[in-house]
């Protein structure tokens, strides 16, 4: 057996090259109208959740203990919140409080 025959019998078949699929750029479309909570009307819990920094069970717990506006029963199966009440709650949460800064001379070095 000559060397040419040996090399052809011990070689693997040619590899099949499958091209990778073309990658598409990730496009994020920014909405020109961002989602917002209407000023009037009513919203269900699922509609409020995107605007709240809490979970659903906390929403119900806070509504029950008075930390969040109370919902209104619209029918035997529908409970919703007045959007005006929710907007007022947001304003109350983020209204700056007039407290002295911790580096204020009148604060005697205490924590604000």
Protein backbone atom coordinates (compact mmCIF):
# COMPACT_ATOMS: atom_id res chain seq x y z
CA UNK A 1 0.00 0.00 0.00
CA UNK A 2 1.50 3.27 -0.99
CA UNK A 3 1.37 6.42 1.16
CA UNK A 4 -1.17 8.11 -1.04
CA UNK A 5 -3.74 5.39 -0.45
CA UNK A 6 -3.10 5.40 3.29
CA UNK A 7 -3.68 9.13 3.65
CA UNK A 8 -6.95 9.04 1.72
CA UNK A 9 -8.40 6.14 3.69
CA UNK A 10 -7.65 7.69 7.11
CA UNK A 11 -9.00 11.15 6.39
CA UNK A 12 -12.36 12.47 7.51
CA UNK A 13 -14.97 13.63 5.04
CA UNK A 14 -14.89 17.34 4.30
CA UNK A 15 -16.59 19.48 6.94
CA UNK A 16 -19.84 21.14 6.08
CA UNK A 17 -19.80 24.78 7.05
CA UNK A 18 -23.16 26.17 8.05
CA UNK A 19 -23.19 29.94 8.14
CA UNK A 20 -24.46 31.57 11.32
CA UNK A 21 -27.73 33.44 10.99
CA UNK A 22 -27.37 37.12 10.40
CA UNK A 23 -27.67 39.02 13.64
CA UNK A 24 -30.25 41.76 13.67
CA UNK A 25 -29.50 44.90 15.65
CA UNK A 26 -31.54 45.32 18.80
CA UNK A 27 -33.82 48.24 18.34
CA UNK A 28 -35.64 49.84 21.19
CA UNK A 29 -38.48 52.01 20.17
CA UNK A 30 -39.06 54.90 22.47
CA UNK A 31 -42.68 55.78 22.68
CA UNK A 32 -43.44 59.41 22.06
CA UNK A 33 -46.38 59.04 24.45
CA UNK A 34 -45.06 57.50 27.67
CA UNK A 35 -47.53 55.54 29.74
CA UNK A 36 -49.06 57.69 32.43
CA UNK A 37 -51.78 57.38 35.02
CA UNK A 38 -54.84 59.39 33.97
CA UNK A 39 -55.76 62.27 36.28
CA UNK A 40 -59.45 61.35 36.39
CA UNK A 41 -61.35 58.10 36.51
CA UNK A 42 -60.56 54.83 38.22
CA UNK A 43 -57.73 52.31 37.92
CA UNK A 44 -57.60 48.68 38.94
CA UNK A 45 -54.67 47.28 40.93
CA UNK A 46 -53.05 45.79 37.82
CA UNK A 47 -53.15 49.21 36.15
CA UNK A 48 -51.52 50.89 39.17
CA UNK A 49 -48.67 48.41 39.61
CA UNK A 50 -46.38 49.87 36.88
CA UNK A 51 -46.36 53.18 38.78
CA UNK A 52 -45.81 51.85 42.30
CA UNK A 53 -42.52 50.83 43.92
CA UNK A 54 -44.32 48.04 45.83
CA UNK A 55 -45.83 44.65 45.08
CA UNK A 56 -49.47 43.73 44.79
CA UNK A 57 -49.80 42.24 48.27
CA UNK A 58 -48.21 45.36 49.79
CA UNK A 59 -50.66 47.54 47.86
CA UNK A 60 -53.60 45.72 49.43
CA UNK A 61 -51.98 45.75 52.88
CA UNK A 62 -51.28 49.50 52.66
CA UNK A 63 -54.82 50.19 51.42
CA UNK A 64 -56.18 48.24 54.39
CA UNK A 65 -54.02 49.98 57.02
CA UNK A 66 -54.42 53.49 55.53
CA UNK A 67 -50.91 53.93 54.10
CA UNK A 68 -52.40 54.07 50.60
CA UNK A 69 -55.79 55.44 49.47
CA UNK A 70 -58.72 53.10 50.03
CA UNK A 71 -60.15 51.41 46.95
CA UNK A 72 -63.75 51.82 45.84
CA UNK A 73 -65.98 48.83 45.19
CA UNK A 74 -67.52 49.52 41.76
CA UNK A 75 -69.43 46.22 41.63
CA UNK A 76 -69.40 42.87 43.38
CA UNK A 77 -66.34 41.84 41.36
CA UNK A 78 -64.64 45.14 40.51
CA UNK A 79 -62.51 47.15 42.93
CA UNK A 80 -60.59 50.21 41.78
CA UNK A 81 -58.85 53.32 43.06
CA UNK A 82 -59.77 56.90 42.25
CA UNK A 83 -56.91 58.23 40.13
CA UNK A 84 -57.18 61.62 41.86
CA UNK A 85 -56.56 59.92 45.23
CA UNK A 86 -53.54 58.06 43.87
CA UNK A 87 -52.06 61.26 42.36
CA UNK A 88 -52.53 63.03 45.68
CA UNK A 89 -50.80 60.14 47.45
CA UNK A 90 -47.84 60.49 45.06
CA UNK A 91 -47.64 64.21 45.77
CA UNK A 92 -47.75 63.58 49.52
CA UNK A 93 -44.96 60.98 49.25
CA UNK A 94 -42.56 63.18 47.34
CA UNK A 95 -43.20 66.59 48.84
CA UNK A 96 -39.98 67.87 50.42
CA UNK A 97 -40.13 68.24 54.18
CA UNK A 98 -38.59 71.32 55.76
CA UNK A 99 -35.97 69.65 57.90
CA UNK A 100 -32.55 71.08 58.68
CA UNK A 101 -29.65 69.52 56.85
CA UNK A 102 -27.33 67.35 58.90
CA UNK A 103 -24.55 69.93 58.43
CA UNK A 104 -26.79 72.82 59.56
CA UNK A 105 -25.32 74.75 62.51
CA UNK A 106 -28.70 74.85 64.22
CA UNK A 107 -29.04 71.10 64.09
CA UNK A 108 -26.31 70.54 66.68
CA UNK A 109 -24.67 67.86 64.56
CA UNK A 110 -27.69 65.58 64.64
CA UNK A 111 -28.96 63.57 61.75
CA UNK A 112 -31.68 65.22 59.69
